[in-house]
Amino acid sequence: MYRLVDMHCHLDRMTNATNVAMDAATRSVAIFDTTVTPTDALAAQLRFEAAPNVRVGAGLHPWWIADGRCGEEDVIQAARLAATSAYVGEIGLDLSKRYASTETVQTHALRTIVERAACHPLPHRVFSVHAVRSVTPVLDIFEELGLLGADAPAGTTVIIHWFSGSSDELTRARRLGCAFSINEHTLATKRGRAYAQAIPRNQLLLETDAPPGLDAPYTARELEASLTRTLTALAELRREDPHALAEAIARASERLLRL
């Protein structure tokens, strides 16, 4: 049904988001809108309710926790949304130098959200996760709470977006059944290209992480072009037929988003 699926995009933070969603549909592009606050998630759910090519995630980005833009009330609201949402994201941890001092409050937020989701299982649920210098603690939380590994409910998928961990962490995440959404920035580094080659096809997805700046206009054409460039580069790196790879990734993405 869709040629391309953007599995991690901040569509709702584009000032012309409704037009972008409509134009994307005409281009046969679907979008997983990963929100950054629960307030944004509620607004986006209403805004895109009639858009058949958009799925909205219930999110609380770790940066918004780390810099104080969101507090405990937002964590509680995000957890409540996660309990009833089939799509959750963007959530996670960022332990890079800029945000590492807030590890405790970030971890509390992530654990609260994931635990609430785990306590309210759904037949189908997809998480899009931010994990910068934090893949191990992120995997630990999901595995401990039974959403990864042998105890994970059927129909639950954890996507690590823009993976940047170690090779050992990649191996662990693959074995636990994570999926990985790849963008152009991933493929701009030698390590990112190596990881893109190592990820099994059935765990490989595309993303843009657009727009480059929030609360600004963007276009569906730019989304389509970025996804196409990523797909072309992936096929070349992996020495795969680009049409077959595109078909496999699109169908896997459609299943995840129930398009």
Protein backbone atom coordinates (compact mmCIF):
# COMPACT_ATOMS: atom_id res chain seq x y z
CA MET A 1 0.00 0.00 0.00
CA TYR A 2 2.86 2.43 0.84
CA ARG A 3 6.16 2.74 -1.00
CA LEU A 4 7.98 4.31 1.94
CA VAL A 5 7.34 4.48 5.68
CA ASP A 6 9.05 6.99 7.96
CA MET A 7 9.26 5.16 11.27
CA HIS A 8 10.51 8.11 13.31
CA CYS A 9 9.37 11.62 12.41
CA HIS A 10 8.27 14.64 14.46
CA LEU A 11 5.47 15.43 12.06
CA ASP A 12 3.32 17.27 14.61
CA ARG A 13 6.10 19.79 15.27
CA MET A 14 6.06 20.95 11.65
CA THR A 15 4.07 24.16 11.39
CA ASN A 16 2.38 22.87 8.22
CA ALA A 17 1.96 19.31 9.50
CA THR A 18 -1.55 18.73 8.16
CA ASN A 19 -0.49 19.63 4.64
CA VAL A 20 2.64 17.49 4.94
CA ALA A 21 0.56 14.49 6.02
CA MET A 22 -1.85 14.95 3.13
CA ASP A 23 0.92 15.38 0.57
CA ALA A 24 2.77 12.37 1.98
CA ALA A 25 -0.32 10.26 1.42
CA THR A 26 -0.45 11.27 -2.25
CA ARG A 27 3.21 10.21 -2.52
CA SER A 28 2.43 6.84 -0.89
CA VAL A 29 4.48 7.72 2.20
CA ALA A 30 3.32 6.75 5.70
CA ILE A 31 4.58 8.32 8.92
CA PHE A 32 5.06 7.29 12.55
CA ASP A 33 4.72 10.64 14.35
CA THR A 34 6.89 10.36 17.45
CA THR A 35 5.84 13.08 19.87
CA VAL A 36 8.02 14.71 22.52
CA THR A 37 5.47 15.48 25.26
CA PRO A 38 2.13 13.96 26.28
CA THR A 39 0.40 17.27 25.55
CA ASP A 40 1.77 17.13 22.01
CA ALA A 41 0.63 13.52 21.71
CA LEU A 42 -2.97 14.33 22.63
CA ALA A 43 -3.06 17.24 20.19
CA ALA A 44 -1.53 15.15 17.41
CA GLN A 45 -4.00 12.32 17.93
CA LEU A 46 -6.83 14.77 17.25
CA ARG A 47 -5.02 16.51 14.40
CA PHE A 48 -4.25 13.33 12.46
CA GLU A 49 -7.31 11.29 13.39
CA ALA A 50 -8.49 11.33 9.78
CA ALA A 51 -5.06 10.77 8.21
CA PRO A 52 -4.87 7.10 7.17
CA ASN A 53 -1.10 7.27 6.59
CA VAL A 54 -0.19 8.63 10.05
CA ARG A 55 0.18 6.86 13.39
CA VAL A 56 0.80 8.95 16.50
CA GLY A 57 3.04 7.80 19.34
CA ALA A 58 2.56 8.81 22.97
CA GLY A 59 5.92 10.31 23.83
CA LEU A 60 8.05 12.06 26.42
CA HIS A 61 11.50 12.86 25.05
CA PRO A 62 14.39 12.60 27.54
CA TRP A 63 15.65 16.07 26.57
CA TRP A 64 12.39 17.60 27.79
CA ILE A 65 12.88 15.80 31.12
CA ALA A 66 16.57 16.66 31.37
CA ASP A 67 16.18 20.40 30.86
CA GLY A 68 13.12 20.78 33.04
CA ARG A 69 10.56 21.58 30.34
CA CYS A 70 8.58 18.57 31.56
CA GLY A 71 8.13 17.45 35.15
CA GLU A 72 6.47 14.75 37.22
CA GLU A 73 2.96 15.62 36.07
CA ASP A 74 4.08 15.08 32.48
CA VAL A 75 5.66 11.74 33.42
CA ILE A 76 2.40 10.62 35.00
CA GLN A 77 0.41 11.74 31.96
CA ALA A 78 2.83 10.07 29.56
CA ALA A 79 2.56 6.83 31.54
CA ARG A 80 -1.24 6.98 31.43
CA LEU A 81 -1.17 7.45 27.67
CA ALA A 82 1.34 4.61 27.23
CA ALA A 83 -0.97 2.26 29.13
CA THR A 84 -3.65 2.57 26.46
CA SER A 85 -1.60 3.38 23.36
CA ALA A 86 -0.57 0.94 20.67
CA TYR A 87 2.18 3.37 19.66
CA VAL A 88 4.60 4.86 22.19
CA GLY A 89 7.43 7.22 21.39
CA GLU A 90 9.67 9.04 21.49
CA ILE A 91 10.81 7.88 24.92
CA GLY A 92 14.22 6.83 26.22
CA LEU A 93 17.45 7.99 27.80
CA ASP A 94 20.20 10.36 26.71
CA LEU A 95 23.37 10.00 28.76
CA SER A 96 25.61 12.06 26.50
CA LYS A 97 27.82 14.64 28.21
CA ARG A 98 25.17 17.34 27.98
CA TYR A 99 22.46 15.31 29.72
CA ALA A 100 24.29 12.70 31.82
CA SER A 101 23.86 14.64 35.07
CA THR A 102 20.10 14.05 34.85
CA GLU A 103 20.34 10.27 34.55
CA THR A 104 18.27 9.67 37.70
CA VAL A 105 15.29 11.76 36.64
CA GLN A 106 15.44 10.46 33.06
CA THR A 107 15.54 6.85 34.27
CA HIS A 108 12.61 7.46 36.60
CA ALA A 109 10.55 8.83 33.72
CA LEU A 110 11.40 5.98 31.35
CA ARG A 111 10.81 3.29 33.93
CA THR A 112 7.47 4.82 34.95
CA ILE A 113 6.25 4.90 31.34
CA VAL A 114 7.47 1.41 30.42
CA GLU A 115 6.18 -0.12 33.65
CA ARG A 116 2.71 1.32 33.09
CA ALA A 117 2.66 -0.08 29.56
CA ALA A 118 3.86 -3.46 30.81
CA CYS A 119 1.06 -3.54 33.39
CA HIS A 120 -1.52 -2.93 30.66
CA PRO A 121 -0.64 -5.34 27.84
CA LEU A 122 -2.12 -4.85 24.40
CA PRO A 123 -2.22 -7.33 21.51
CA HIS A 124 -0.09 -4.92 19.48
CA ARG A 125 2.30 -2.22 20.74
CA VAL A 126 5.27 -0.45 19.17
CA PHE A 127 7.84 1.65 21.02
CA SER A 128 10.24 4.11 19.36
CA VAL A 129 13.18 4.61 21.69
CA HIS A 130 15.95 7.20 22.01
CA ALA A 131 19.12 5.61 23.45
CA VAL A 132 22.20 7.82 23.33
CA ARG A 133 25.08 6.36 25.34
CA SER A 134 22.39 4.42 27.14
CA VAL A 135 21.54 1.32 25.11
CA THR A 136 22.40 -1.04 27.96
CA PRO A 137 20.23 0.65 30.64
CA VAL A 138 17.39 1.08 28.13
CA LEU A 139 17.49 -2.63 27.23
CA ASP A 140 17.76 -3.52 30.92
CA ILE A 141 14.53 -1.63 31.71
CA PHE A 142 12.55 -3.16 28.86
CA GLU A 143 13.84 -6.66 29.56
CA GLU A 144 13.33 -6.42 33.32
CA LEU A 145 9.75 -5.26 32.82
CA GLY A 146 9.01 -8.09 30.39
CA LEU A 147 8.72 -6.14 27.14
CA LEU A 148 11.85 -7.60 25.55
CA GLY A 149 13.21 -11.11 25.39
CA ALA A 150 11.54 -14.41 26.16
CA ASP A 151 8.87 -12.84 28.36
CA ALA A 152 7.80 -10.16 25.89
CA PRO A 153 4.15 -10.35 24.80
CA ALA A 154 3.52 -11.32 21.20
CA GLY A 155 2.93 -8.23 19.14
CA THR A 156 5.29 -5.98 21.12
CA THR A 157 8.14 -4.35 19.20
CA VAL A 158 10.87 -2.07 20.53
CA ILE A 159 12.50 0.08 17.86
CA ILE A 160 15.79 1.76 18.66
CA HIS A 161 15.94 4.84 16.53
CA TRP A 162 19.27 6.07 15.13
CA PHE A 163 21.27 3.34 16.94
CA SER A 164 24.65 4.60 18.15
CA GLY A 165 25.69 2.09 20.80
CA SER A 166 28.54 -0.42 20.85
CA SER A 167 28.81 -3.54 18.71
CA ASP A 168 28.12 -5.67 21.80
CA GLU A 169 24.98 -3.65 22.50
CA LEU A 170 23.89 -4.08 18.90
CA THR A 171 24.32 -7.84 19.22
CA ARG A 172 22.28 -7.88 22.43
CA ALA A 173 19.53 -5.72 20.97
CA ARG A 174 19.33 -7.92 17.88
CA ARG A 175 19.07 -11.06 19.98
CA LEU A 176 16.32 -9.51 22.09
CA GLY A 177 14.34 -8.85 18.93
CA CYS A 178 14.63 -5.08 18.66
CA ALA A 179 14.09 -3.34 15.36
CA PHE A 180 16.30 -0.47 14.19
CA SER A 181 15.21 2.63 12.27
CA ILE A 182 18.01 3.99 10.09
CA ASN A 183 18.36 7.52 8.74
CA GLU A 184 20.86 9.41 6.60
CA HIS A 185 22.80 10.53 9.66
CA THR A 186 23.31 6.91 10.71
CA LEU A 187 24.95 6.19 7.39
CA ALA A 188 27.21 9.25 7.56
CA THR A 189 29.66 7.45 9.89
CA LYS A 190 31.80 4.38 9.32
CA ARG A 191 30.37 2.70 12.42
CA GLY A 192 26.81 3.50 11.40
CA ARG A 193 27.37 1.97 7.98
CA ALA A 194 28.85 -1.17 9.56
CA TYR A 195 25.83 -1.49 11.84
CA ALA A 196 23.44 -1.02 8.91
CA GLN A 197 25.13 -3.96 7.18
CA ALA A 198 24.91 -6.14 10.30
CA ILE A 199 21.22 -5.67 11.08
CA PRO A 200 19.06 -8.49 9.69
CA ARG A 201 16.64 -7.38 7.00
CA ASN A 202 13.61 -8.30 9.11
CA GLN A 203 14.78 -5.90 11.85
CA LEU A 204 15.61 -3.01 9.52
CA LEU A 205 13.42 0.10 9.15
CA LEU A 206 13.73 3.60 7.67
CA GLU A 207 13.35 6.97 9.36
CA THR A 208 14.11 10.66 8.83
CA ASP A 209 13.98 12.11 12.38
CA ALA A 210 12.68 15.20 10.58
CA PRO A 211 12.34 18.11 10.77
CA PRO A 212 15.90 19.34 11.48
CA GLY A 213 14.41 22.18 13.52
CA LEU A 214 11.13 21.91 15.41
CA ASP A 215 8.24 24.31 14.92
CA ALA A 216 9.20 25.20 11.36
CA PRO A 217 7.69 24.30 7.98
CA TYR A 218 8.78 21.20 6.09
CA THR A 219 7.64 19.25 3.04
CA ALA A 220 6.56 15.74 2.19
CA ARG A 221 8.92 15.94 -0.77
CA GLU A 222 11.85 16.33 1.61
CA LEU A 223 10.68 13.35 3.66
CA GLU A 224 10.35 11.23 0.55
CA ALA A 225 13.77 12.28 -0.75
CA SER A 226 15.51 11.54 2.55
CA LEU A 227 13.91 8.10 2.85
CA THR A 228 14.82 7.31 -0.76
CA ARG A 229 18.45 8.34 -0.26
CA THR A 230 18.68 6.19 2.86
CA LEU A 231 17.14 3.21 1.09
CA THR A 232 19.46 3.56 -1.91
CA ALA A 233 22.51 3.77 0.33
CA LEU A 234 21.36 0.77 2.38
CA ALA A 235 20.86 -1.37 -0.71
CA GLU A 236 24.32 -0.48 -1.95
CA LEU A 237 25.96 -1.14 1.41
CA ARG A 238 24.20 -4.46 1.87
CA ARG A 239 24.58 -5.45 -1.79
CA GLU A 240 20.88 -6.09 -2.04
CA ASP A 241 18.43 -5.45 -4.82
CA PRO A 242 16.97 -2.02 -3.99
CA HIS A 243 13.44 -2.95 -5.09
CA ALA A 244 13.39 -6.12 -2.99
CA LEU A 245 14.81 -4.29 0.03
CA ALA A 246 12.31 -1.45 -0.36
CA GLU A 247 9.43 -3.92 -0.55
CA ALA A 248 10.59 -5.87 2.51
CA ILE A 249 11.06 -2.76 4.66
CA ALA A 250 7.78 -1.19 3.55
CA ARG A 251 5.77 -4.33 4.28
CA ALA A 252 7.42 -4.77 7.71
CA SER A 253 6.69 -1.14 8.54
CA GLU A 254 3.07 -1.48 7.44
CA ARG A 255 2.67 -4.46 9.77
CA LEU A 256 4.11 -2.51 12.68
CA LEU A 257 1.85 0.49 12.07
CA ARG A 258 -1.14 -1.64 11.04
CA LEU A 259 -1.61 0.42 7.90
